[in-house]
Protein backbone atom coordinates (compact mmCIF):
# COMPACT_ATOMS: atom_id res chain seq x y z
CA MET A 1 -3.07 -0.67 13.24
CA ASP A 2 -1.17 2.43 14.26
CA ASN A 3 1.59 0.47 15.66
CA ALA A 4 1.59 -1.37 11.89
CA LYS A 5 1.82 2.24 10.32
CA LYS A 6 4.67 3.14 12.50
CA ASN A 7 7.00 0.24 11.78
CA VAL A 8 6.26 -0.12 7.99
CA LYS A 9 7.26 3.73 7.86
CA ILE A 10 10.70 3.11 9.78
CA MET A 11 11.28 -0.20 7.72
CA LEU A 12 10.81 1.64 4.64
CA LYS A 13 13.12 4.67 5.61
CA LYS A 14 15.75 2.29 6.72
CA ARG A 15 15.35 0.93 3.41
CA GLY A 16 16.09 4.46 2.01
CA TYR A 17 12.63 5.51 1.15
CA THR A 18 11.61 9.40 1.42
CA LEU A 19 8.26 9.97 2.59
CA LEU A 20 6.30 12.52 0.06
CA GLU A 21 2.91 12.70 0.98
CA GLU A 22 0.59 11.08 3.94
CA ASN A 23 -3.17 10.84 3.80
CA ASN A 24 -4.99 8.92 6.58
CA ASN A 25 -4.18 5.33 5.37
CA VAL A 26 -2.33 6.21 2.12
CA PHE A 27 1.25 7.21 2.17
CA LEU A 28 3.38 8.07 -1.16
CA LEU A 29 7.25 7.19 -0.68
CA LYS A 30 10.15 7.57 -2.99
CA LYS A 31 13.48 6.10 -3.35
CA ASN A 32 15.49 7.62 -6.49
CA LYS A 33 13.34 7.63 -9.35
CA ASN A 34 10.92 4.76 -8.14
CA LYS A 35 7.81 5.65 -6.09
CA LEU A 36 6.14 3.11 -3.95
CA LEU A 37 1.97 3.74 -2.54
CA LEU A 38 1.16 2.22 0.98
CA PHE A 39 -1.83 1.51 1.48
CA PHE A 40 -3.54 0.36 5.23
CA ASN A 41 -6.83 -0.93 4.62
CA PRO A 42 -9.27 0.03 7.39
CA LEU A 43 -11.46 -2.66 6.14
CA PRO A 44 -11.56 -6.48 8.24
CA LYS A 45 -10.91 -7.75 4.74
CA LEU A 46 -9.13 -7.03 1.47
CA ASN A 47 -11.86 -7.21 -0.95
CA ILE A 48 -11.07 -7.70 -5.09
CA GLN A 49 -12.84 -3.96 -5.19
CA ILE A 50 -9.93 -2.53 -3.02
CA MET A 51 -7.69 -4.23 -5.13
CA LYS A 52 -8.57 -3.05 -8.61
CA GLU A 53 -8.98 0.50 -7.25
CA PHE A 54 -5.33 0.20 -5.85
CA LEU A 55 -4.26 -1.50 -8.93
CA SER A 56 -5.91 1.30 -11.12
CA PHE A 57 -4.22 4.37 -9.14
CA LEU A 58 -1.00 3.04 -9.44
CA GLN A 59 -1.29 2.65 -13.22
CA GLN A 60 -3.19 6.02 -13.52
CA GLN A 61 -0.37 7.46 -11.34
CA GLN A 62 2.36 5.85 -12.74
CA ILE A 63 3.91 3.82 -9.75
CA ASN A 64 5.77 1.17 -10.01
CA HIS A 65 5.34 -0.40 -6.71
CA GLY A 66 2.81 -0.71 -3.99
CA ILE A 67 2.05 -2.26 -0.65
CA ILE A 68 -1.42 -2.91 0.81
CA VAL A 69 -1.34 -3.73 5.01
CA TYR A 70 -4.80 -5.68 5.72
CA LYS A 71 -6.07 -6.51 9.31
CA VAL A 72 -7.19 -10.32 8.66
CA SER A 73 -7.29 -11.94 5.81
CA THR A 74 -8.11 -11.72 1.80
CA THR A 75 -11.24 -12.99 -0.03
CA SER A 76 -10.71 -15.55 -2.61
CA GLN A 77 -11.28 -13.37 -5.62
CA ALA A 78 -8.48 -10.84 -4.00
CA ARG A 79 -5.88 -13.71 -3.77
CA LYS A 80 -6.69 -14.50 -7.72
CA ILE A 81 -5.58 -10.98 -8.56
CA ILE A 82 -2.56 -10.91 -6.42
CA SER A 83 -1.58 -14.52 -7.85
C-alpha cells in the first residue's frame, strides 16, 4: 500500500493538486478552490459502512471530490452505492 500512496500522491501533484493535510490513510488535497479527499482503505474489502462514512464526511466537510483506494475488491452493497 505504501507504493500506491506514493504513486497516487505523485500523480495528483502532477495534476496540480497540493497536499493540505496527511493523516495515516487520509490525505486532503486542493487544486484552485476544489478540495479532494484521498482515502486508502486498510481493510481487504471496501464495504458499505466505509462507503457511507466516506460520503458522509465529504458532505459534512463540503468536499466535492473523493478517491478511495482499496486492496482487493468491494462488497456487492458497496458497488451499488458507487453506481
